Amino acid sequence: QEQLVEAGGGLVQPGGSLRLSCVASGFRISFYFMSWYRQALGKERELVANISTPGVITNLKDSVKGRFTISRDDAKNTVYLQMNNLKPEDTAVYYCHANPTAWGLFPHWGQGTQVTVSS
């Protein structure tokens, strides 16, 4: 079964850090453009960061630049989102997404992991 499983979310105080991970099973992420999205309560899902294969190009949402870093380890079939200096407005469910770069493959979404930034 092809799936993405996120982990690493939780409750953190403002200014704190979290590292999210997204592990793929049933397929190899080396054929996928990987992204992190988030969705806050009552808001639309938004793109936070993405990374090309093999990880040469990264893009970040303006509001997280300088605080978040996206990376990938294709050997471990895992994508990471390092989040530093977290703010209350970063509170959301964070989702991992895999977008195929080759014909015949399918996109995948993870189930999401909750990040809550609060004092």
N, C-alpha and C. Protein backbone atom coordinates (compact mmCIF):
# COMPACT_ATOMS: atom_id res chain seq x y z
N GLN A 1 0.85 -1.20 0.00
CA GLN A 1 0.00 0.00 0.00
C GLN A 1 0.88 1.24 0.00
N GLU A 2 0.57 2.17 -0.91
CA GLU A 2 1.35 3.40 -1.01
C GLU A 2 0.78 4.42 -0.03
N GLN A 3 1.63 4.94 0.84
CA GLN A 3 1.14 5.93 1.79
C GLN A 3 2.27 6.82 2.31
N LEU A 4 1.85 7.97 2.85
CA LEU A 4 2.75 8.89 3.52
C LEU A 4 2.29 9.00 4.98
N VAL A 5 3.24 8.96 5.89
CA VAL A 5 2.91 9.07 7.30
C VAL A 5 3.75 10.17 7.93
N GLU A 6 3.06 11.20 8.43
CA GLU A 6 3.74 12.30 9.09
C GLU A 6 3.88 12.04 10.58
N ALA A 7 4.88 12.65 11.16
CA ALA A 7 5.10 12.56 12.61
C ALA A 7 5.86 13.79 13.06
N GLY A 8 5.85 14.02 14.37
CA GLY A 8 6.65 15.11 14.93
C GLY A 8 5.87 16.32 15.39
N GLY A 9 4.58 16.32 15.16
CA GLY A 9 3.78 17.45 15.61
C GLY A 9 3.60 17.43 17.12
N GLY A 10 3.01 18.51 17.63
CA GLY A 10 2.77 18.58 19.07
C GLY A 10 2.50 19.99 19.51
N LEU A 11 2.53 20.18 20.82
CA LEU A 11 2.32 21.48 21.44
C LEU A 11 3.67 22.09 21.79
N VAL A 12 3.88 23.32 21.37
CA VAL A 12 5.15 23.99 21.63
C VAL A 12 4.87 25.45 21.97
N GLN A 13 5.71 26.03 22.78
CA GLN A 13 5.56 27.44 23.13
C GLN A 13 6.09 28.32 22.01
N PRO A 14 5.60 29.54 21.91
CA PRO A 14 6.14 30.48 20.91
C PRO A 14 7.65 30.61 21.05
N GLY A 15 8.32 30.60 19.90
CA GLY A 15 9.77 30.63 19.89
C GLY A 15 10.42 29.27 19.89
N GLY A 16 9.62 28.25 20.10
CA GLY A 16 10.15 26.90 20.13
C GLY A 16 10.34 26.29 18.75
N SER A 17 10.78 25.04 18.73
CA SER A 17 11.07 24.34 17.48
C SER A 17 10.43 22.97 17.45
N LEU A 18 10.13 22.53 16.24
CA LEU A 18 9.66 21.17 15.99
C LEU A 18 10.27 20.71 14.68
N ARG A 19 10.44 19.41 14.57
CA ARG A 19 10.89 18.82 13.31
C ARG A 19 9.87 17.78 12.88
N LEU A 20 9.21 18.07 11.77
CA LEU A 20 8.25 17.13 11.22
C LEU A 20 8.96 16.18 10.26
N SER A 21 8.50 14.95 10.24
CA SER A 21 9.01 13.98 9.28
C SER A 21 7.84 13.37 8.51
N CYS A 22 8.13 12.95 7.32
CA CYS A 22 7.12 12.32 6.45
C CYS A 22 7.79 11.12 5.79
N VAL A 23 7.35 9.95 6.17
CA VAL A 23 7.94 8.71 5.65
C VAL A 23 7.01 8.09 4.63
N ALA A 24 7.56 7.77 3.48
CA ALA A 24 6.78 7.12 2.42
C ALA A 24 6.97 5.62 2.48
N SER A 25 5.91 4.91 2.22
CA SER A 25 6.00 3.46 2.11
C SER A 25 5.23 3.01 0.87
N GLY A 26 5.73 1.98 0.22
CA GLY A 26 5.08 1.46 -0.97
C GLY A 26 5.49 2.13 -2.26
N PHE A 27 6.28 3.20 -2.17
CA PHE A 27 6.80 3.87 -3.35
C PHE A 27 8.05 4.64 -2.97
N ARG A 28 8.83 5.04 -3.96
CA ARG A 28 10.08 5.75 -3.73
C ARG A 28 9.89 7.24 -3.99
N ILE A 29 10.25 8.08 -3.02
CA ILE A 29 10.04 9.52 -3.18
C ILE A 29 11.01 10.14 -4.19
N SER A 30 12.01 9.39 -4.60
CA SER A 30 12.97 9.93 -5.57
C SER A 30 12.31 10.27 -6.90
N PHE A 31 11.10 9.77 -7.13
CA PHE A 31 10.37 10.09 -8.35
C PHE A 31 9.30 11.16 -8.11
N TYR A 32 9.39 11.84 -6.97
CA TYR A 32 8.34 12.78 -6.58
C TYR A 32 8.92 14.11 -6.14
N PHE A 33 8.17 15.16 -6.47
CA PHE A 33 8.37 16.50 -5.94
C PHE A 33 7.61 16.53 -4.63
N MET A 34 8.29 16.87 -3.53
CA MET A 34 7.69 16.75 -2.21
C MET A 34 7.34 18.11 -1.62
N SER A 35 6.22 18.17 -0.93
CA SER A 35 5.75 19.43 -0.36
C SER A 35 5.19 19.22 1.03
N TRP A 36 5.17 20.31 1.79
CA TRP A 36 4.44 20.40 3.05
C TRP A 36 3.37 21.47 2.89
N TYR A 37 2.16 21.12 3.28
CA TYR A 37 1.04 22.05 3.32
C TYR A 37 0.57 22.15 4.77
N ARG A 38 -0.23 23.15 5.04
CA ARG A 38 -0.86 23.24 6.35
C ARG A 38 -2.26 23.81 6.20
N GLN A 39 -3.09 23.46 7.16
CA GLN A 39 -4.46 23.95 7.17
C GLN A 39 -4.85 24.32 8.59
N ALA A 40 -5.06 25.60 8.82
CA ALA A 40 -5.52 26.07 10.11
C ALA A 40 -7.04 25.93 10.19
N LEU A 41 -7.55 25.88 11.39
CA LEU A 41 -8.98 25.71 11.61
C LEU A 41 -9.76 26.82 10.91
N GLY A 42 -10.69 26.45 10.06
CA GLY A 42 -11.53 27.42 9.36
C GLY A 42 -10.88 28.08 8.17
N LYS A 43 -9.69 27.64 7.81
CA LYS A 43 -8.99 28.24 6.67
C LYS A 43 -8.68 27.19 5.61
N GLU A 44 -8.32 27.68 4.43
CA GLU A 44 -7.98 26.76 3.35
C GLU A 44 -6.57 26.20 3.54
N ARG A 45 -6.35 25.06 2.93
CA ARG A 45 -5.03 24.46 2.97
C ARG A 45 -4.08 25.32 2.14
N GLU A 46 -2.86 25.53 2.66
CA GLU A 46 -1.90 26.37 1.96
C GLU A 46 -0.54 25.68 1.88
N LEU A 47 0.17 26.01 0.81
CA LEU A 47 1.51 25.46 0.62
C LEU A 47 2.49 26.17 1.54
N VAL A 48 3.29 25.39 2.25
CA VAL A 48 4.29 25.94 3.15
C VAL A 48 5.68 25.87 2.53
N ALA A 49 6.01 24.70 1.98
CA ALA A 49 7.34 24.51 1.42
C ALA A 49 7.33 23.36 0.44
N ASN A 50 8.22 23.40 -0.54
CA ASN A 50 8.38 22.25 -1.41
C ASN A 50 9.85 22.10 -1.80
N ILE A 51 10.15 20.93 -2.28
CA ILE A 51 11.54 20.60 -2.60
C ILE A 51 11.55 19.70 -3.82
N SER A 52 12.45 20.02 -4.74
CA SER A 52 12.54 19.25 -5.98
C SER A 52 13.27 17.93 -5.73
N THR A 53 13.23 17.11 -6.73
CA THR A 53 14.05 15.92 -6.71
C THR A 53 15.23 16.14 -7.65
N PRO A 54 16.47 16.02 -7.20
CA PRO A 54 16.94 15.42 -5.96
C PRO A 54 17.17 16.41 -4.83
N GLY A 55 16.43 17.50 -4.74
CA GLY A 55 16.55 18.40 -3.60
C GLY A 55 17.37 19.63 -3.88
N VAL A 56 17.56 19.93 -5.18
CA VAL A 56 18.37 21.08 -5.55
C VAL A 56 17.61 22.38 -5.32
N ILE A 57 16.32 22.37 -5.56
CA ILE A 57 15.52 23.58 -5.48
C ILE A 57 14.50 23.47 -4.35
N THR A 58 14.44 24.50 -3.52
CA THR A 58 13.43 24.55 -2.46
C THR A 58 12.69 25.87 -2.54
N ASN A 59 11.45 25.85 -2.13
CA ASN A 59 10.63 27.05 -2.09
C ASN A 59 9.91 27.10 -0.75
N LEU A 60 9.80 28.28 -0.20
CA LEU A 60 9.14 28.46 1.10
C LEU A 60 8.13 29.59 1.02
N LYS A 61 7.06 29.42 1.73
CA LYS A 61 6.08 30.50 1.89
C LYS A 61 6.78 31.68 2.56
N ASP A 62 6.45 32.89 2.12
CA ASP A 62 7.15 34.08 2.61
C ASP A 62 7.14 34.17 4.14
N SER A 63 6.02 33.84 4.75
CA SER A 63 5.90 34.03 6.20
C SER A 63 6.75 33.05 7.02
N VAL A 64 7.30 32.02 6.37
CA VAL A 64 8.12 31.05 7.11
C VAL A 64 9.59 31.12 6.70
N LYS A 65 9.91 31.96 5.73
CA LYS A 65 11.31 32.08 5.30
C LYS A 65 12.17 32.56 6.47
N GLY A 66 13.33 31.91 6.61
CA GLY A 66 14.22 32.24 7.70
C GLY A 66 13.91 31.48 8.98
N ARG A 67 12.77 30.80 9.00
CA ARG A 67 12.39 30.02 10.19
C ARG A 67 12.24 28.52 9.89
N PHE A 68 11.72 28.20 8.72
CA PHE A 68 11.48 26.80 8.34
C PHE A 68 12.50 26.37 7.29
N THR A 69 12.82 25.08 7.32
CA THR A 69 13.69 24.48 6.31
C THR A 69 13.11 23.14 5.89
N ILE A 70 13.03 22.93 4.59
CA ILE A 70 12.58 21.64 4.08
C ILE A 70 13.79 20.88 3.55
N SER A 71 13.80 19.58 3.79
CA SER A 71 14.89 18.75 3.29
C SER A 71 14.36 17.35 3.00
N ARG A 72 15.15 16.60 2.28
CA ARG A 72 14.73 15.23 1.95
C ARG A 72 15.92 14.29 2.02
N ASP A 73 15.64 13.05 2.38
CA ASP A 73 16.63 11.98 2.39
C ASP A 73 16.01 10.84 1.60
N ASP A 74 16.35 10.78 0.33
CA ASP A 74 15.73 9.77 -0.52
C ASP A 74 16.12 8.36 -0.11
N ALA A 75 17.30 8.20 0.45
CA ALA A 75 17.72 6.86 0.90
C ALA A 75 16.83 6.36 2.03
N LYS A 76 16.34 7.30 2.85
CA LYS A 76 15.43 6.93 3.94
C LYS A 76 13.97 7.10 3.54
N ASN A 77 13.75 7.55 2.29
CA ASN A 77 12.38 7.74 1.80
C ASN A 77 11.60 8.71 2.69
N THR A 78 12.27 9.76 3.11
CA THR A 78 11.71 10.66 4.12
C THR A 78 11.94 12.12 3.74
N VAL A 79 10.94 12.94 4.05
CA VAL A 79 11.04 14.39 3.91
C VAL A 79 10.87 15.02 5.28
N TYR A 80 11.59 16.11 5.51
CA TYR A 80 11.55 16.76 6.81
C TYR A 80 11.12 18.23 6.68
N LEU A 81 10.55 18.74 7.74
CA LEU A 81 10.30 20.17 7.85
C LEU A 81 10.78 20.62 9.22
N GLN A 82 11.90 21.32 9.23
CA GLN A 82 12.43 21.87 10.47
C GLN A 82 11.80 23.23 10.68
N MET A 83 11.16 23.40 11.82
CA MET A 83 10.44 24.63 12.12
C MET A 83 11.03 25.27 13.37
N ASN A 84 11.60 26.43 13.22
CA ASN A 84 12.20 27.17 14.33
C ASN A 84 11.44 28.46 14.57
N ASN A 85 11.62 29.02 15.75
CA ASN A 85 10.98 30.28 16.11
C ASN A 85 9.49 30.25 15.77
N LEU A 86 8.84 29.23 16.23
CA LEU A 86 7.42 29.05 15.90
C LEU A 86 6.57 30.15 16.51
N LYS A 87 5.52 30.50 15.78
CA LYS A 87 4.59 31.55 16.18
C LYS A 87 3.19 30.98 16.30
N PRO A 88 2.33 31.60 17.08
CA PRO A 88 0.95 31.09 17.20
C PRO A 88 0.25 30.94 15.85
N GLU A 89 0.57 31.80 14.90
CA GLU A 89 -0.07 31.71 13.58
C GLU A 89 0.42 30.52 12.77
N ASP A 90 1.43 29.79 13.25
CA ASP A 90 1.86 28.55 12.60
C ASP A 90 1.00 27.36 13.02
N THR A 91 0.10 27.58 13.96
CA THR A 91 -0.77 26.51 14.43
C THR A 91 -1.65 26.00 13.29
N ALA A 92 -1.58 24.70 13.03
CA ALA A 92 -2.33 24.11 11.92
C ALA A 92 -2.07 22.60 11.90
N VAL A 93 -2.83 21.93 11.06
CA VAL A 93 -2.50 20.55 10.73
C VAL A 93 -1.57 20.60 9.53
N TYR A 94 -0.45 19.93 9.63
CA TYR A 94 0.57 19.93 8.57
C TYR A 94 0.48 18.62 7.80
N TYR A 95 0.43 18.75 6.48
CA TYR A 95 0.28 17.60 5.59
C TYR A 95 1.48 17.49 4.66
N CYS A 96 1.87 16.27 4.42
CA CYS A 96 2.91 15.98 3.44
C CYS A 96 2.24 15.60 2.12
N HIS A 97 2.84 16.02 1.01
CA HIS A 97 2.29 15.71 -0.31
C HIS A 97 3.40 15.30 -1.26
N ALA A 98 3.11 14.27 -2.05
CA ALA A 98 4.06 13.79 -3.05
C ALA A 98 3.45 13.96 -4.43
N ASN A 99 4.12 14.72 -5.28
CA ASN A 99 3.64 14.99 -6.63
C ASN A 99 4.57 14.29 -7.62
N PRO A 100 4.06 13.37 -8.42
CA PRO A 100 4.96 12.58 -9.28
C PRO A 100 5.62 13.40 -10.38
N THR A 101 6.83 13.01 -10.72
CA THR A 101 7.57 13.67 -11.80
C THR A 101 7.70 12.76 -13.02
N ALA A 102 7.00 11.63 -12.98
CA ALA A 102 7.07 10.69 -14.09
C ALA A 102 5.67 10.19 -14.41
N TRP A 103 5.47 9.83 -15.66
CA TRP A 103 4.18 9.30 -16.08
C TRP A 103 3.89 7.97 -15.39
N GLY A 104 2.60 7.76 -15.13
CA GLY A 104 2.17 6.49 -14.57
C GLY A 104 2.18 6.43 -13.06
N LEU A 105 2.63 7.50 -12.43
CA LEU A 105 2.64 7.55 -10.97
C LEU A 105 1.49 8.43 -10.49
N PHE A 106 1.18 8.32 -9.21
CA PHE A 106 0.04 9.03 -8.66
C PHE A 106 0.46 9.90 -7.47
N PRO A 107 -0.24 11.02 -7.28
CA PRO A 107 0.07 11.86 -6.11
C PRO A 107 -0.42 11.20 -4.82
N HIS A 108 0.18 11.61 -3.72
CA HIS A 108 -0.18 11.07 -2.41
C HIS A 108 -0.25 12.18 -1.37
N TRP A 109 -1.18 12.04 -0.45
CA TRP A 109 -1.30 12.91 0.72
C TRP A 109 -1.11 12.08 1.98
N GLY A 110 -0.49 12.69 2.97
CA GLY A 110 -0.44 12.07 4.28
C GLY A 110 -1.69 12.40 5.06
N GLN A 111 -1.80 11.84 6.27
CA GLN A 111 -3.00 12.03 7.08
C GLN A 111 -2.94 13.31 7.91
N GLY A 112 -1.74 13.90 8.01
CA GLY A 112 -1.58 15.15 8.73
C GLY A 112 -1.10 14.96 10.16
N THR A 113 -0.42 15.98 10.66
CA THR A 113 0.03 16.00 12.05
C THR A 113 -0.24 17.39 12.62
N GLN A 114 -0.79 17.44 13.82
CA GLN A 114 -1.19 18.71 14.41
C GLN A 114 0.00 19.42 15.04
N VAL A 115 0.14 20.69 14.71
CA VAL A 115 1.13 21.56 15.35
C VAL A 115 0.38 22.69 16.05
N THR A 116 0.59 22.82 17.34
CA THR A 116 -0.06 23.87 18.11
C THR A 116 1.01 24.71 18.81
N VAL A 117 0.99 26.00 18.54
CA VAL A 117 1.95 26.92 19.14
C VAL A 117 1.18 27.82 20.10
N SER A 118 1.44 27.62 21.38
CA SER A 118 0.68 28.36 22.39
C SER A 118 1.46 28.39 23.69
N SER A 119 1.28 29.47 24.42
CA SER A 119 1.90 29.58 25.74
C SER A 119 0.93 29.13 26.82
